[in-house]
Amino acid sequence: MAEAHANFLFRVEHNYDEALRILRLAEQNSPNDLSILVTIGNELRRTGRLEEAVVYLRRAEALAPRDLRVIDFQFSAY
């Protein structure tokens, strides 16, 4: 649910800081949730924070290296 709210804030309202704040709160509650990690990584990548985005990519990759969201994120991050 946090991902949907954050995506709305990010894509529709362009409120990047609030979107990341919500996602990081969700991450605190579910630190190994692949969807949250990939969403945070994508949002960071879209705002040009590539080094931070790669940290989330690596975490997601460690959890599910064959998941299509991780593979897609890998190719879109570079």
N, C-alpha and C. Protein backbone atom coordinates (compact mmCIF):
# COMPACT_ATOMS: atom_id res chain seq x y z
N MET A 1 0.82 -1.20 0.00
CA MET A 1 0.00 0.00 0.00
C MET A 1 0.86 1.26 0.00
N ALA A 2 1.97 1.24 0.72
CA ALA A 2 2.85 2.41 0.74
C ALA A 2 3.40 2.71 -0.65
N GLU A 3 3.67 1.66 -1.41
CA GLU A 3 4.21 1.86 -2.75
C GLU A 3 3.23 2.61 -3.64
N ALA A 4 1.96 2.26 -3.55
CA ALA A 4 0.94 2.92 -4.38
C ALA A 4 0.83 4.40 -4.01
N HIS A 5 0.80 4.69 -2.72
CA HIS A 5 0.71 6.07 -2.27
C HIS A 5 1.94 6.85 -2.71
N ALA A 6 3.12 6.25 -2.53
CA ALA A 6 4.36 6.92 -2.90
C ALA A 6 4.43 7.14 -4.41
N ASN A 7 3.99 6.16 -5.19
CA ASN A 7 3.99 6.33 -6.65
C ASN A 7 3.08 7.48 -7.07
N PHE A 8 1.93 7.61 -6.42
CA PHE A 8 1.03 8.72 -6.72
C PHE A 8 1.71 10.05 -6.39
N LEU A 9 2.31 10.13 -5.21
CA LEU A 9 3.00 11.36 -4.82
C LEU A 9 4.13 11.69 -5.79
N PHE A 10 4.85 10.66 -6.19
CA PHE A 10 6.00 10.86 -7.07
C PHE A 10 5.58 11.25 -8.48
N ARG A 11 4.68 10.48 -9.07
CA ARG A 11 4.35 10.65 -10.48
C ARG A 11 3.31 11.73 -10.76
N VAL A 12 2.35 11.89 -9.85
CA VAL A 12 1.26 12.84 -10.09
C VAL A 12 1.55 14.19 -9.44
N GLU A 13 1.91 14.15 -8.16
CA GLU A 13 2.12 15.40 -7.44
C GLU A 13 3.57 15.89 -7.47
N HIS A 14 4.47 15.07 -7.96
CA HIS A 14 5.89 15.41 -8.02
C HIS A 14 6.45 15.80 -6.65
N ASN A 15 5.93 15.15 -5.64
CA ASN A 15 6.37 15.39 -4.26
C ASN A 15 7.35 14.28 -3.89
N TYR A 16 8.57 14.40 -4.40
CA TYR A 16 9.57 13.35 -4.28
C TYR A 16 10.00 13.10 -2.84
N ASP A 17 10.18 14.15 -2.08
CA ASP A 17 10.62 13.99 -0.69
C ASP A 17 9.58 13.25 0.14
N GLU A 18 8.32 13.58 -0.03
CA GLU A 18 7.27 12.91 0.74
C GLU A 18 7.12 11.45 0.31
N ALA A 19 7.25 11.20 -0.97
CA ALA A 19 7.19 9.82 -1.46
C ALA A 19 8.29 8.98 -0.83
N LEU A 20 9.50 9.49 -0.81
CA LEU A 20 10.61 8.75 -0.20
C LEU A 20 10.43 8.61 1.31
N ARG A 21 9.88 9.61 1.95
CA ARG A 21 9.64 9.52 3.39
C ARG A 21 8.68 8.38 3.71
N ILE A 22 7.61 8.29 2.94
CA ILE A 22 6.63 7.23 3.14
C ILE A 22 7.25 5.85 2.88
N LEU A 23 8.03 5.76 1.83
CA LEU A 23 8.66 4.48 1.51
C LEU A 23 9.67 4.06 2.57
N ARG A 24 10.40 5.01 3.09
CA ARG A 24 11.39 4.66 4.12
C ARG A 24 10.71 4.25 5.42
N LEU A 25 9.56 4.83 5.71
CA LEU A 25 8.79 4.36 6.88
C LEU A 25 8.33 2.92 6.66
N ALA A 26 7.86 2.64 5.46
CA ALA A 26 7.44 1.28 5.14
C ALA A 26 8.63 0.32 5.22
N GLU A 27 9.78 0.77 4.79
CA GLU A 27 10.99 -0.06 4.86
C GLU A 27 11.35 -0.40 6.31
N GLN A 28 11.16 0.54 7.21
CA GLN A 28 11.44 0.27 8.62
C GLN A 28 10.57 -0.87 9.15
N ASN A 29 9.32 -0.91 8.71
CA ASN A 29 8.40 -1.95 9.15
C ASN A 29 8.64 -3.28 8.44
N SER A 30 9.13 -3.22 7.21
CA SER A 30 9.35 -4.44 6.41
C SER A 30 10.67 -4.31 5.64
N PRO A 31 11.79 -4.45 6.34
CA PRO A 31 13.09 -4.19 5.71
C PRO A 31 13.46 -5.16 4.59
N ASN A 32 12.80 -6.29 4.50
CA ASN A 32 13.10 -7.25 3.44
C ASN A 32 11.97 -7.39 2.44
N ASP A 33 11.13 -6.38 2.33
CA ASP A 33 10.04 -6.39 1.37
C ASP A 33 10.58 -5.96 0.01
N LEU A 34 10.61 -6.90 -0.90
CA LEU A 34 11.19 -6.65 -2.22
C LEU A 34 10.53 -5.48 -2.94
N SER A 35 9.21 -5.39 -2.88
CA SER A 35 8.49 -4.31 -3.56
C SER A 35 8.91 -2.94 -3.04
N ILE A 36 9.06 -2.84 -1.74
CA ILE A 36 9.46 -1.57 -1.16
C ILE A 36 10.88 -1.22 -1.58
N LEU A 37 11.78 -2.18 -1.51
CA LEU A 37 13.18 -1.92 -1.88
C LEU A 37 13.30 -1.49 -3.34
N VAL A 38 12.60 -2.19 -4.22
CA VAL A 38 12.67 -1.84 -5.65
C VAL A 38 12.04 -0.47 -5.89
N THR A 39 10.94 -0.19 -5.23
CA THR A 39 10.29 1.11 -5.41
C THR A 39 11.18 2.24 -4.92
N ILE A 40 11.79 2.08 -3.76
CA ILE A 40 12.72 3.11 -3.27
C ILE A 40 13.87 3.29 -4.26
N GLY A 41 14.43 2.19 -4.70
CA GLY A 41 15.53 2.27 -5.66
C GLY A 41 15.14 2.99 -6.93
N ASN A 42 13.96 2.68 -7.44
CA ASN A 42 13.48 3.35 -8.66
C ASN A 42 13.27 4.84 -8.43
N GLU A 43 12.68 5.20 -7.31
CA GLU A 43 12.45 6.62 -7.03
C GLU A 43 13.78 7.37 -6.89
N LEU A 44 14.74 6.75 -6.22
CA LEU A 44 16.06 7.38 -6.08
C LEU A 44 16.73 7.53 -7.45
N ARG A 45 16.62 6.50 -8.27
CA ARG A 45 17.21 6.56 -9.61
C ARG A 45 16.58 7.68 -10.43
N ARG A 46 15.27 7.80 -10.35
CA ARG A 46 14.58 8.82 -11.15
C ARG A 46 14.93 10.23 -10.72
N THR A 47 15.36 10.39 -9.48
CA THR A 47 15.74 11.73 -9.01
C THR A 47 17.26 11.94 -9.10
N GLY A 48 17.95 11.03 -9.77
CA GLY A 48 19.38 11.21 -10.00
C GLY A 48 20.28 10.77 -8.86
N ARG A 49 19.74 10.12 -7.88
CA ARG A 49 20.53 9.67 -6.73
C ARG A 49 20.98 8.23 -6.96
N LEU A 50 21.85 8.07 -7.95
CA LEU A 50 22.20 6.74 -8.44
C LEU A 50 22.96 5.90 -7.43
N GLU A 51 23.86 6.49 -6.68
CA GLU A 51 24.61 5.71 -5.70
C GLU A 51 23.69 5.10 -4.65
N GLU A 52 22.73 5.89 -4.18
CA GLU A 52 21.76 5.38 -3.21
C GLU A 52 20.87 4.32 -3.86
N ALA A 53 20.50 4.54 -5.10
CA ALA A 53 19.64 3.59 -5.81
C ALA A 53 20.32 2.22 -5.92
N VAL A 54 21.60 2.22 -6.19
CA VAL A 54 22.34 0.96 -6.33
C VAL A 54 22.35 0.19 -5.02
N VAL A 55 22.39 0.88 -3.90
CA VAL A 55 22.34 0.20 -2.59
C VAL A 55 21.04 -0.60 -2.49
N TYR A 56 19.95 -0.01 -2.90
CA TYR A 56 18.66 -0.70 -2.85
C TYR A 56 18.59 -1.82 -3.88
N LEU A 57 19.19 -1.61 -5.04
CA LEU A 57 19.27 -2.67 -6.04
C LEU A 57 20.00 -3.88 -5.47
N ARG A 58 21.11 -3.64 -4.84
CA ARG A 58 21.89 -4.76 -4.28
C ARG A 58 21.12 -5.50 -3.20
N ARG A 59 20.41 -4.77 -2.37
CA ARG A 59 19.60 -5.42 -1.33
C ARG A 59 18.50 -6.26 -1.96
N ALA A 60 17.82 -5.71 -2.96
CA ALA A 60 16.75 -6.44 -3.63
C ALA A 60 17.32 -7.66 -4.35
N GLU A 61 18.45 -7.48 -4.98
CA GLU A 61 19.09 -8.57 -5.72
C GLU A 61 19.48 -9.71 -4.78
N ALA A 62 19.94 -9.38 -3.59
CA ALA A 62 20.30 -10.41 -2.61
C ALA A 62 19.08 -11.22 -2.18
N LEU A 63 17.93 -10.57 -2.12
CA LEU A 63 16.69 -11.25 -1.71
C LEU A 63 16.10 -12.11 -2.83
N ALA A 64 16.14 -11.61 -4.05
CA ALA A 64 15.47 -12.30 -5.16
C ALA A 64 16.18 -12.00 -6.48
N PRO A 65 17.32 -12.63 -6.72
CA PRO A 65 18.12 -12.30 -7.91
C PRO A 65 17.42 -12.59 -9.24
N ARG A 66 16.42 -13.44 -9.25
CA ARG A 66 15.74 -13.79 -10.50
C ARG A 66 14.39 -13.11 -10.67
N ASP A 67 14.02 -12.28 -9.73
CA ASP A 67 12.74 -11.58 -9.82
C ASP A 67 12.82 -10.55 -10.95
N LEU A 68 11.80 -10.50 -11.78
CA LEU A 68 11.81 -9.60 -12.93
C LEU A 68 11.92 -8.13 -12.54
N ARG A 69 11.36 -7.75 -11.39
CA ARG A 69 11.47 -6.35 -10.96
C ARG A 69 12.93 -5.99 -10.69
N VAL A 70 13.68 -6.92 -10.16
CA VAL A 70 15.10 -6.68 -9.89
C VAL A 70 15.88 -6.62 -11.20
N ILE A 71 15.60 -7.53 -12.09
CA ILE A 71 16.28 -7.55 -13.38
C ILE A 71 15.98 -6.28 -14.16
N ASP A 72 14.72 -5.86 -14.18
CA ASP A 72 14.33 -4.63 -14.87
C ASP A 72 15.03 -3.43 -14.25
N PHE A 73 15.09 -3.42 -12.92
CA PHE A 73 15.76 -2.31 -12.22
C PHE A 73 17.24 -2.28 -12.57
N GLN A 74 17.86 -3.45 -12.69
CA GLN A 74 19.28 -3.50 -13.03
C GLN A 74 19.53 -2.85 -14.39
N PHE A 75 18.71 -3.17 -15.36
CA PHE A 75 18.93 -2.63 -16.70
C PHE A 75 18.55 -1.16 -16.80
N SER A 76 17.56 -0.75 -16.05
CA SER A 76 17.15 0.65 -16.15
C SER A 76 18.03 1.57 -15.32
N ALA A 77 18.80 1.01 -14.40
CA ALA A 77 19.63 1.83 -13.51
C ALA A 77 20.92 2.28 -14.19
N TYR A 78 21.27 1.63 -15.27
CA TYR A 78 22.59 1.95 -15.89
C TYR A 78 22.44 2.59 -17.23
